[in-house]
Amino acid sequence: MWVIAVYDCPMTSGEARHSYTLFRKSLLKENFYQLQNSLYVRHYPTKELANGAVLRLKQCIPEDAKVSFFLITDKQYAMSCEFFGPKTEKKSLEAPEQVEMF
C-alpha cells in the first residue's frame, strides 16, 4: 500500500511557518520521500500500517493547511508515470593542466 501526502500550508506568519516545519518533519520522521514540493510518498506493507501512519500524521496537520492522503495499491502505483526534465549541471572548476608533485 502506498500513501501519497499532498498538502498546501499557507505561511502567512512565523507561527504558521513553524507549524508547517513541524508537519514536514513529521512526514520525514515517518520516512516519507519527497517527490515534489508539498508531495511526499511512502510504501507500507499493509493497509493497516498505512492507515496508522495517516492517523499519526493527522495529529500534526497545521490549523490552516489543506492535506490529502491518497492510499493506492502497488499495482496502481506501478501504473503511474514520472517524467523528469533535464538536470542543470553545476559548472565545476576547471582542472589544472598539470599536477605538481613534491
PDB file of N, CA and C in Angstrom:
ATOM      1  N   MET A   1       0.847  -1.173   0.000  1.00  0.00           N
ATOM      2  CA  MET A   1       0.000   0.000   0.000  1.00  0.00           C
ATOM      3  C   MET A   1       0.890   1.234   0.000  1.00  0.00           C
ATOM      4  N   TRP A   2       0.603   2.149  -0.900  1.00  0.00           N
ATOM      5  CA  TRP A   2       1.339   3.402  -0.987  1.00  0.00           C
ATOM      6  C   TRP A   2       0.495   4.521  -0.389  1.00  0.00           C
ATOM      7  N   VAL A   3       1.134   5.415   0.337  1.00  0.00           N
ATOM      8  CA  VAL A   3       0.465   6.600   0.856  1.00  0.00           C
ATOM      9  C   VAL A   3       1.119   7.806   0.190  1.00  0.00           C
ATOM     10  N   ILE A   4       0.285   8.601  -0.451  1.00  0.00           N
ATOM     11  CA  ILE A   4       0.754   9.840  -1.070  1.00  0.00           C
ATOM     12  C   ILE A   4       0.160  10.989  -0.275  1.00  0.00           C
ATOM     13  N   ALA A   5       1.011  11.848   0.224  1.00  0.00           N
ATOM     14  CA  ALA A   5       0.578  13.015   1.001  1.00  0.00           C
ATOM     15  C   ALA A   5       0.767  14.266   0.150  1.00  0.00           C
ATOM     16  N   VAL A   6      -0.308  15.002  -0.031  1.00  0.00           N
ATOM     17  CA  VAL A   6      -0.281  16.247  -0.793  1.00  0.00           C
ATOM     18  C   VAL A   6      -0.842  17.329   0.117  1.00  0.00           C
ATOM     19  N   TYR A   7      -0.160  18.454   0.204  1.00  0.00           N
ATOM     20  CA  TYR A   7      -0.633  19.482   1.129  1.00  0.00           C
ATOM     21  C   TYR A   7      -0.359  20.881   0.627  1.00  0.00           C
ATOM     22  N   ASP A   8      -1.112  21.799   1.181  1.00  0.00           N
ATOM     23  CA  ASP A   8      -0.937  23.223   0.946  1.00  0.00           C
ATOM     24  C   ASP A   8      -0.997  23.890   2.307  1.00  0.00           C
ATOM     25  N   CYS A   9       0.113  24.431   2.739  1.00  0.00           N
ATOM     26  CA  CYS A   9       0.193  25.084   4.048  1.00  0.00           C
ATOM     27  C   CYS A   9       0.508  26.559   3.841  1.00  0.00           C
ATOM     28  N   PRO A  10      -0.453  27.436   4.089  1.00  0.00           N
ATOM     29  CA  PRO A  10      -0.157  28.868   3.969  1.00  0.00           C
ATOM     30  C   PRO A  10       0.821  29.297   5.053  1.00  0.00           C
ATOM     31  N   MET A  11       1.804  30.056   4.650  1.00  0.00           N
ATOM     32  CA  MET A  11       2.816  30.517   5.607  1.00  0.00           C
ATOM     33  C   MET A  11       2.756  32.036   5.682  1.00  0.00           C
ATOM     34  N   THR A  12       1.724  32.506   6.323  1.00  0.00           N
ATOM     35  CA  THR A  12       1.490  33.942   6.409  1.00  0.00           C
ATOM     36  C   THR A  12       2.114  34.579   7.644  1.00  0.00           C
ATOM     37  N   SER A  13       2.589  33.738   8.551  1.00  0.00           N
ATOM     38  CA  SER A  13       3.201  34.269   9.770  1.00  0.00           C
ATOM     39  C   SER A  13       4.315  33.327  10.219  1.00  0.00           C
ATOM     40  N   GLY A  14       5.069  33.774  11.170  1.00  0.00           N
ATOM     41  CA  GLY A  14       6.130  32.942  11.714  1.00  0.00           C
ATOM     42  C   GLY A  14       5.582  31.690  12.387  1.00  0.00           C
ATOM     43  N   GLU A  15       4.438  31.834  13.055  1.00  0.00           N
ATOM     44  CA  GLU A  15       3.819  30.689  13.714  1.00  0.00           C
ATOM     45  C   GLU A  15       3.340  29.660  12.687  1.00  0.00           C
ATOM     46  N   ALA A  16       2.777  30.146  11.576  1.00  0.00           N
ATOM     47  CA  ALA A  16       2.318  29.235  10.516  1.00  0.00           C
ATOM     48  C   ALA A  16       3.509  28.510   9.879  1.00  0.00           C
ATOM     49  N   ARG A  17       4.604  29.222   9.692  1.00  0.00           N
ATOM     50  CA  ARG A  17       5.809  28.613   9.126  1.00  0.00           C
ATOM     51  C   ARG A  17       6.352  27.535  10.062  1.00  0.00           C
ATOM     52  N   HIS A  18       6.287  27.802  11.351  1.00  0.00           N
ATOM     53  CA  HIS A  18       6.738  26.825  12.344  1.00  0.00           C
ATOM     54  C   HIS A  18       5.859  25.569  12.307  1.00  0.00           C
ATOM     55  N   SER A  19       4.544  25.764  12.210  1.00  0.00           N
ATOM     56  CA  SER A  19       3.619  24.629  12.136  1.00  0.00           C
ATOM     57  C   SER A  19       3.885  23.794  10.894  1.00  0.00           C
ATOM     58  N   TYR A  20       4.121  24.465   9.760  1.00  0.00           N
ATOM     59  CA  TYR A  20       4.443  23.763   8.528  1.00  0.00           C
ATOM     60  C   TYR A  20       5.719  22.943   8.692  1.00  0.00           C
ATOM     61  N   THR A  21       6.733  23.535   9.305  1.00  0.00           N
ATOM     62  CA  THR A  21       8.002  22.840   9.501  1.00  0.00           C
ATOM     63  C   THR A  21       7.812  21.592  10.355  1.00  0.00           C
ATOM     64  N   LEU A  22       7.010  21.691  11.401  1.00  0.00           N
ATOM     65  CA  LEU A  22       6.741  20.521  12.246  1.00  0.00           C
ATOM     66  C   LEU A  22       6.023  19.432  11.453  1.00  0.00           C
ATOM     67  N   PHE A  23       5.069  19.816  10.603  1.00  0.00           N
ATOM     68  CA  PHE A  23       4.357  18.832   9.794  1.00  0.00           C
ATOM     69  C   PHE A  23       5.305  18.151   8.810  1.00  0.00           C
ATOM     70  N   ARG A  24       6.134  18.947   8.148  1.00  0.00           N
ATOM     71  CA  ARG A  24       7.104  18.381   7.200  1.00  0.00           C
ATOM     72  C   ARG A  24       8.069  17.421   7.906  1.00  0.00           C
ATOM     73  N   LYS A  25       8.518  17.799   9.091  1.00  0.00           N
ATOM     74  CA  LYS A  25       9.394  16.915   9.862  1.00  0.00           C
ATOM     75  C   LYS A  25       8.685  15.631  10.263  1.00  0.00           C
ATOM     76  N   SER A  26       7.379  15.717  10.516  1.00  0.00           N
ATOM     77  CA  SER A  26       6.604  14.508  10.834  1.00  0.00           C
ATOM     78  C   SER A  26       6.572  13.566   9.639  1.00  0.00           C
ATOM     79  N   LEU A  27       6.423  14.114   8.441  1.00  0.00           N
ATOM     80  CA  LEU A  27       6.467  13.283   7.232  1.00  0.00           C
ATOM     81  C   LEU A  27       7.825  12.603   7.090  1.00  0.00           C
ATOM     82  N   LEU A  28       8.883  13.356   7.301  1.00  0.00           N
ATOM     83  CA  LEU A  28      10.230  12.801   7.184  1.00  0.00           C
ATOM     84  C   LEU A  28      10.498  11.767   8.269  1.00  0.00           C
ATOM     85  N   LYS A  29       9.972  11.995   9.462  1.00  0.00           N
ATOM     86  CA  LYS A  29      10.138  11.040  10.558  1.00  0.00           C
ATOM     87  C   LYS A  29       9.448   9.717  10.227  1.00  0.00           C
ATOM     88  N   GLU A  30       8.344   9.787   9.474  1.00  0.00           N
ATOM     89  CA  GLU A  30       7.626   8.588   9.025  1.00  0.00           C
ATOM     90  C   GLU A  30       8.283   7.978   7.786  1.00  0.00           C
ATOM     91  N   ASN A  31       9.438   8.511   7.398  1.00  0.00           N
ATOM     92  CA  ASN A  31      10.213   8.032   6.246  1.00  0.00           C
ATOM     93  C   ASN A  31       9.518   8.238   4.911  1.00  0.00           C
ATOM     94  N   PHE A  32       8.780   9.337   4.793  1.00  0.00           N
ATOM     95  CA  PHE A  32       8.216   9.691   3.505  1.00  0.00           C
ATOM     96  C   PHE A  32       9.321  10.262   2.631  1.00  0.00           C
ATOM     97  N   TYR A  33       9.174  10.064   1.317  1.00  0.00           N
ATOM     98  CA  TYR A  33      10.139  10.548   0.336  1.00  0.00           C
ATOM     99  C   TYR A  33       9.511  11.723  -0.408  1.00  0.00           C
ATOM    100  N   GLN A  34      10.244  12.809  -0.545  1.00  0.00           N
ATOM    101  CA  GLN A  34       9.722  13.993  -1.212  1.00  0.00           C
ATOM    102  C   GLN A  34       9.867  13.838  -2.721  1.00  0.00           C
ATOM    103  N   LEU A  35       8.726  13.772  -3.428  1.00  0.00           N
ATOM    104  CA  LEU A  35       8.745  13.712  -4.888  1.00  0.00           C
ATOM    105  C   LEU A  35       8.761  15.112  -5.491  1.00  0.00           C
ATOM    106  N   GLN A  36       8.002  16.014  -4.902  1.00  0.00           N
ATOM    107  CA  GLN A  36       7.943  17.403  -5.333  1.00  0.00           C
ATOM    108  C   GLN A  36       7.671  18.248  -4.094  1.00  0.00           C
ATOM    109  N   ASN A  37       7.700  19.566  -4.278  1.00  0.00           N
ATOM    110  CA  ASN A  37       7.311  20.429  -3.166  1.00  0.00           C
ATOM    111  C   ASN A  37       5.880  20.074  -2.771  1.00  0.00           C
ATOM    112  N   SER A  38       5.664  19.845  -1.520  1.00  0.00           N
ATOM    113  CA  SER A  38       4.343  19.532  -0.965  1.00  0.00           C
ATOM    114  C   SER A  38       3.764  18.208  -1.451  1.00  0.00           C
ATOM    115  N   LEU A  39       4.586  17.289  -1.936  1.00  0.00           N
ATOM    116  CA  LEU A  39       4.117  15.973  -2.354  1.00  0.00           C
ATOM    117  C   LEU A  39       5.120  14.924  -1.873  1.00  0.00           C
ATOM    118  N   TYR A  40       4.652  14.063  -0.972  1.00  0.00           N
ATOM    119  CA  TYR A  40       5.501  13.048  -0.368  1.00  0.00           C
ATOM    120  C   TYR A  40       4.866  11.681  -0.561  1.00  0.00           C
ATOM    121  N   VAL A  41       5.677  10.642  -0.611  1.00  0.00           N
ATOM    122  CA  VAL A  41       5.177   9.289  -0.833  1.00  0.00           C
ATOM    123  C   VAL A  41       5.932   8.298   0.051  1.00  0.00           C
ATOM    124  N   ARG A  42       5.218   7.253   0.436  1.00  0.00           N
ATOM    125  CA  ARG A  42       5.853   6.192   1.231  1.00  0.00           C
ATOM    126  C   ARG A  42       5.105   4.889   1.000  1.00  0.00           C
ATOM    127  N   HIS A  43       5.846   3.787   0.996  1.00  0.00           N
ATOM    128  CA  HIS A  43       5.252   2.454   0.858  1.00  0.00           C
ATOM    129  C   HIS A  43       5.102   1.819   2.231  1.00  0.00           C
ATOM    130  N   TYR A  44       3.964   1.178   2.448  1.00  0.00           N
ATOM    131  CA  TYR A  44       3.717   0.394   3.660  1.00  0.00           C
ATOM    132  C   TYR A  44       3.323  -1.015   3.237  1.00  0.00           C
ATOM    133  N   PRO A  45       3.767  -2.037   3.977  1.00  0.00           N
ATOM    134  CA  PRO A  45       3.463  -3.413   3.582  1.00  0.00           C
ATOM    135  C   PRO A  45       1.987  -3.788   3.700  1.00  0.00           C
ATOM    136  N   THR A  46       1.238  -3.108   4.580  1.00  0.00           N
ATOM    137  CA  THR A  46      -0.177  -3.438   4.743  1.00  0.00           C
ATOM    138  C   THR A  46      -1.006  -2.161   4.817  1.00  0.00           C
ATOM    139  N   LYS A  47      -2.293  -2.316   4.552  1.00  0.00           N
ATOM    140  CA  LYS A  47      -3.215  -1.185   4.634  1.00  0.00           C
ATOM    141  C   LYS A  47      -3.348  -0.691   6.070  1.00  0.00           C
ATOM    142  N   GLU A  48      -3.291  -1.602   7.021  1.00  0.00           N
ATOM    143  CA  GLU A  48      -3.418  -1.221   8.428  1.00  0.00           C
ATOM    144  C   GLU A  48      -2.281  -0.305   8.855  1.00  0.00           C
ATOM    145  N   LEU A  49      -1.050  -0.633   8.432  1.00  0.00           N
ATOM    146  CA  LEU A  49       0.094   0.220   8.763  1.00  0.00           C
ATOM    147  C   LEU A  49      -0.030   1.582   8.088  1.00  0.00           C
ATOM    148  N   ALA A  50      -0.515   1.593   6.871  1.00  0.00           N
ATOM    149  CA  ALA A  50      -0.716   2.853   6.152  1.00  0.00           C
ATOM    150  C   ALA A  50      -1.757   3.710   6.863  1.00  0.00           C
ATOM    151  N   ASN A  51      -2.860   3.096   7.264  1.00  0.00           N
ATOM    152  CA  ASN A  51      -3.888   3.840   7.994  1.00  0.00           C
ATOM    153  C   ASN A  51      -3.368   4.374   9.322  1.00  0.00           C
ATOM    154  N   GLY A  52      -2.532   3.607  10.000  1.00  0.00           N
ATOM    155  CA  GLY A  52      -1.928   4.059  11.251  1.00  0.00           C
ATOM    156  C   GLY A  52      -1.052   5.280  11.047  1.00  0.00           C
ATOM    157  N   ALA A  53      -0.278   5.278   9.959  1.00  0.00           N
ATOM    158  CA  ALA A  53       0.575   6.428   9.659  1.00  0.00           C
ATOM    159  C   ALA A  53      -0.275   7.665   9.379  1.00  0.00           C
ATOM    160  N   VAL A  54      -1.351   7.497   8.632  1.00  0.00           N
ATOM    161  CA  VAL A  54      -2.237   8.628   8.331  1.00  0.00           C
ATOM    162  C   VAL A  54      -2.828   9.189   9.621  1.00  0.00           C
ATOM    163  N   LEU A  55      -3.245   8.318  10.527  1.00  0.00           N
ATOM    164  CA  LEU A  55      -3.802   8.795  11.803  1.00  0.00           C
ATOM    165  C   LEU A  55      -2.762   9.546  12.628  1.00  0.00           C
ATOM    166  N   ARG A  56      -1.504   9.058  12.616  1.00  0.00           N
ATOM    167  CA  ARG A  56      -0.437   9.765  13.356  1.00  0.00           C
ATOM    168  C   ARG A  56      -0.171  11.132  12.726  1.00  0.00           C
ATOM    169  N   LEU A  57      -0.110  11.167  11.393  1.00  0.00           N
ATOM    170  CA  LEU A  57       0.183  12.421  10.706  1.00  0.00           C
ATOM    171  C   LEU A  57      -0.973  13.409  10.809  1.00  0.00           C
ATOM    172  N   LYS A  58      -2.186  12.910  10.891  1.00  0.00           N
ATOM    173  CA  LYS A  58      -3.365  13.767  11.007  1.00  0.00           C
ATOM    174  C   LYS A  58      -3.256  14.681  12.226  1.00  0.00           C
ATOM    175  N   GLN A  59      -2.645  14.194  13.295  1.00  0.00           N
ATOM    176  CA  GLN A  59      -2.500  14.981  14.523  1.00  0.00           C
ATOM    177  C   GLN A  59      -1.512  16.132  14.348  1.00  0.00           C
ATOM    178  N   CYS A  60      -0.666  16.079  13.322  1.00  0.00           N
ATOM    179  CA  CYS A  60       0.373  17.095  13.121  1.00  0.00           C
ATOM    180  C   CYS A  60       0.003  18.130  12.064  1.00  0.00           C
ATOM    181  N   ILE A  61      -1.171  18.008  11.467  1.00  0.00           N
ATOM    182  CA  ILE A  61      -1.553  18.920  10.386  1.00  0.00           C
ATOM    183  C   ILE A  61      -1.759  20.325  10.944  1.00  0.00           C
ATOM    184  N   PRO A  62      -1.109  21.330  10.335  1.00  0.00           N
ATOM    185  CA  PRO A  62      -1.306  22.712  10.780  1.00  0.00           C
ATOM    186  C   PRO A  62      -2.768  23.141  10.632  1.00  0.00           C
ATOM    187  N   GLU A  63      -3.166  24.095  11.430  1.00  0.00           N
ATOM    188  CA  GLU A  63      -4.567  24.514  11.523  1.00  0.00           C
ATOM    189  C   GLU A  63      -5.158  24.951  10.184  1.00  0.00           C
ATOM    190  N   ASP A  64      -4.454  25.769   9.425  1.00  0.00           N
ATOM    191  CA  ASP A  64      -4.991  26.306   8.165  1.00  0.00           C
ATOM    192  C   ASP A  64      -4.591  25.496   6.939  1.00  0.00           C
ATOM    193  N   ALA A  65      -3.932  24.373   7.128  1.00  0.00           N
ATOM    194  CA  ALA A  65      -3.428  23.587   5.998  1.00  0.00           C
ATOM    195  C   ALA A  65      -4.528  22.754   5.363  1.00  0.00           C
ATOM    196  N   LYS A  66      -4.319  22.448   4.099  1.00  0.00           N
ATOM    197  CA  LYS A  66      -5.178  21.516   3.373  1.00  0.00           C
ATOM    198  C   LYS A  66      -4.311  20.320   3.019  1.00  0.00           C
ATOM    199  N   VAL A  67      -4.665  19.155   3.548  1.00  0.00           N
ATOM    200  CA  VAL A  67      -3.856  17.953   3.359  1.00  0.00           C
ATOM    201  C   VAL A  67      -4.733  16.834   2.829  1.00  0.00           C
ATOM    202  N   SER A  68      -4.233  16.116   1.840  1.00  0.00           N
ATOM    203  CA  SER A  68      -4.920  14.934   1.316  1.00  0.00           C
ATOM    204  C   SER A  68      -3.961  13.765   1.378  1.00  0.00           C
ATOM    205  N   PHE A  69      -4.456  12.631   1.851  1.00  0.00           N
ATOM    206  CA  PHE A  69      -3.693  11.394   1.849  1.00  0.00           C
ATOM    207  C   PHE A  69      -4.382  10.439   0.873  1.00  0.00           C
ATOM    208  N   PHE A  70      -3.644   9.974  -0.101  1.00  0.00           N
ATOM    209  CA  PHE A  70      -4.165   9.010  -1.062  1.00  0.00           C
ATOM    210  C   PHE A  70      -3.531   7.664  -0.765  1.00  0.00           C
ATOM    211  N   LEU A  71      -4.337   6.648  -0.572  1.00  0.00           N
ATOM    212  CA  LEU A  71      -3.841   5.293  -0.369  1.00  0.00           C
ATOM    213  C   LEU A  71      -4.101   4.512  -1.654  1.00  0.00           C
ATOM    214  N   ILE A  72      -3.033   4.030  -2.264  1.00  0.00           N
ATOM    215  CA  ILE A  72      -3.176   3.293  -3.515  1.00  0.00           C
ATOM    216  C   ILE A  72      -2.393   1.988  -3.427  1.00  0.00           C
ATOM    217  N   THR A  73      -2.794   1.029  -4.213  1.00  0.00           N
ATOM    218  CA  THR A  73      -2.153  -0.282  -4.191  1.00  0.00           C
ATOM    219  C   THR A  73      -0.850  -0.252  -4.971  1.00  0.00           C
ATOM    220  N   ASP A  74      -0.059  -1.307  -4.791  1.00  0.00           N
ATOM    221  CA  ASP A  74       1.191  -1.432  -5.546  1.00  0.00           C
ATOM    222  C   ASP A  74       0.926  -1.420  -7.053  1.00  0.00           C
ATOM    223  N   LYS A  75      -0.127  -2.107  -7.464  1.00  0.00           N
ATOM    224  CA  LYS A  75      -0.455  -2.185  -8.894  1.00  0.00           C
ATOM    225  C   LYS A  75      -0.809  -0.803  -9.440  1.00  0.00           C
ATOM    226  N   GLN A  76      -1.595  -0.037  -8.683  1.00  0.00           N
ATOM    227  CA  GLN A  76      -1.956   1.305  -9.119  1.00  0.00           C
ATOM    228  C   GLN A  76      -0.726   2.209  -9.194  1.00  0.00           C
ATOM    229  N   TYR A  77       0.150   2.107  -8.209  1.00  0.00           N
ATOM    230  CA  TYR A  77       1.357   2.938  -8.208  1.00  0.00           C
ATOM    231  C   TYR A  77       2.273   2.555  -9.374  1.00  0.00           C
ATOM    232  N   ALA A  78       2.325   1.264  -9.689  1.00  0.00           N
ATOM    233  CA  ALA A  78       3.173   0.803 -10.793  1.00  0.00           C
ATOM    234  C   ALA A  78       2.696   1.351 -12.131  1.00  0.00           C
ATOM    235  N   MET A  79       1.427   1.698 -12.227  1.00  0.00           N
ATOM    236  CA  MET A  79       0.895   2.244 -13.480  1.00  0.00           C
ATOM    237  C   MET A  79       1.154   3.740 -13.620  1.00  0.00           C
ATOM    238  N   SER A  80       1.709   4.374 -12.597  1.00  0.00           N
ATOM    239  CA  SER A  80       1.978   5.808 -12.681  1.00  0.00           C
ATOM    240  C   SER A  80       3.210   6.058 -13.549  1.00  0.00           C
ATOM    241  N   CYS A  81       3.277   7.230 -14.088  1.00  0.00           N
ATOM    242  CA  CYS A  81       4.415   7.625 -14.928  1.00  0.00           C
ATOM    243  C   CYS A  81       5.058   8.861 -14.311  1.00  0.00           C
ATOM    244  N   GLU A  82       6.355   8.874 -14.286  1.00  0.00           N
ATOM    245  CA  GLU A  82       7.092  10.028 -13.773  1.00  0.00           C
ATOM    246  C   GLU A  82       8.046  10.501 -14.862  1.00  0.00           C
ATOM    247  N   PHE A  83       8.046  11.785 -15.100  1.00  0.00           N
ATOM    248  CA  PHE A  83       8.926  12.372 -16.101  1.00  0.00           C
ATOM    249  C   PHE A  83       9.731  13.479 -15.431  1.00  0.00           C
ATOM    250  N   PHE A  84      11.006  13.488 -15.695  1.00  0.00           N
ATOM    251  CA  PHE A  84      11.887  14.487 -15.115  1.00  0.00           C
ATOM    252  C   PHE A  84      12.596  15.216 -16.245  1.00  0.00           C
ATOM    253  N   GLY A  85      12.599  16.515 -16.178  1.00  0.00           N
ATOM    254  CA  GLY A  85      13.286  17.310 -17.183  1.00  0.00           C
ATOM    255  C   GLY A  85      14.790  17.172 -17.037  1.00  0.00           C
ATOM    256  N   PRO A  86      15.522  17.699 -17.999  1.00  0.00           N
ATOM    257  CA  PRO A  86      16.985  17.597 -17.920  1.00  0.00           C
ATOM    258  C   PRO A  86      17.518  18.354 -16.714  1.00  0.00           C
ATOM    259  N   LYS A  87      18.475  17.740 -16.074  1.00  0.00           N
ATOM    260  CA  LYS A  87      19.082  18.378 -14.907  1.00  0.00           C
ATOM    261  C   LYS A  87      20.080  19.420 -15.382  1.00  0.00           C
ATOM    262  N   THR A  88      20.092  20.516 -14.673  1.00  0.00           N
ATOM    263  CA  THR A  88      21.103  21.515 -14.976  1.00  0.00           C
ATOM    264  C   THR A  88      22.371  21.121 -14.240  1.00  0.00           C
ATOM    265  N   GLU A  89      23.436  21.094 -14.971  1.00  0.00           N
ATOM    266  CA  GLU A  89      24.698  20.677 -14.371  1.00  0.00           C
ATOM    267  C   GLU A  89      25.399  21.880 -13.762  1.00  0.00           C
ATOM    268  N   LYS A  90      25.963  21.655 -12.605  1.00  0.00           N
ATOM    269  CA  LYS A  90      26.753  22.706 -11.982  1.00  0.00           C
ATOM    270  C   LYS A  90      28.098  22.775 -12.693  1.00  0.00           C
ATOM    271  N   LYS A  91      28.524  23.973 -12.950  1.00  0.00           N
ATOM    272  CA  LYS A  91      29.825  24.130 -13.581  1.00  0.00           C
ATOM    273  C   LYS A  91      30.899  23.841 -12.550  1.00  0.00           C
ATOM    274  N   SER A  92      31.778  22.939 -12.900  1.00  0.00           N
ATOM    275  CA  SER A  92      32.862  22.616 -11.977  1.00  0.00           C
ATOM    276  C   SER A  92      34.067  23.493 -12.275  1.00  0.00           C
ATOM    277  N   LEU A  93      34.902  23.603 -11.302  1.00  0.00           N
ATOM    278  CA  LEU A  93      36.126  24.361 -11.507  1.00  0.00           C
ATOM    279  C   LEU A  93      36.987  23.640 -12.534  1.00  0.00           C
ATOM    280  N   GLU A  94      37.644  24.412 -13.318  1.00  0.00           N
ATOM    281  CA  GLU A  94      38.497  23.808 -14.344  1.00  0.00           C
ATOM    282  C   GLU A  94      39.686  23.123 -13.672  1.00  0.00           C
ATOM    283  N   ALA A  95      39.948  21.916 -14.112  1.00  0.00           N
ATOM    284  CA  ALA A  95      41.079  21.162 -13.567  1.00  0.00           C
ATOM    285  C   ALA A  95      42.375  21.763 -14.080  1.00  0.00           C
ATOM    286  N   PRO A  96      43.403  21.814 -13.256  1.00  0.00           N
ATOM    287  CA  PRO A  96      44.682  22.345 -13.741  1.00  0.00           C
ATOM    288  C   PRO A  96      45.251  21.440 -14.822  1.00  0.00           C
ATOM    289  N   GLU A  97      45.986  22.036 -15.729  1.00  0.00           N
ATOM    290  CA  GLU A  97      46.560  21.244 -16.825  1.00  0.00           C
ATOM    291  C   GLU A  97      47.670  20.333 -16.334  1.00  0.00           C
ATOM    292  N   GLN A  98      48.353  20.710 -15.282  1.00  0.00           N
ATOM    293  CA  GLN A  98      49.471  19.924 -14.799  1.00  0.00           C
ATOM    294  C   GLN A  98      49.393  19.832 -13.279  1.00  0.00           C
ATOM    295  N   VAL A  99      49.661  18.666 -12.754  1.00  0.00           N
ATOM    296  CA  VAL A  99      49.676  18.476 -11.318  1.00  0.00           C
ATOM    297  C   VAL A  99      51.129  18.467 -10.870  1.00  0.00           C
ATOM    298  N   GLU A 100      51.415  19.239  -9.835  1.00  0.00           N
ATOM    299  CA  GLU A 100      52.776  19.328  -9.346  1.00  0.00           C
ATOM    300  C   GLU A 100      52.931  18.365  -8.158  1.00  0.00           C
ATOM    301  N   MET A 101      53.942  17.511  -8.233  1.00  0.00           N
ATOM    302  CA  MET A 101      54.198  16.551  -7.166  1.00  0.00           C
ATOM    303  C   MET A 101      55.510  16.923  -6.499  1.00  0.00           C
ATOM    304  N   PHE A 102      55.557  16.752  -5.196  1.00  0.00           N
ATOM    305  CA  PHE A 102      56.792  17.073  -4.443  1.00  0.00           C
ATOM    306  C   PHE A 102      57.588  15.844  -4.192  1.00  0.00           C
TER     307      PHE A 102
END
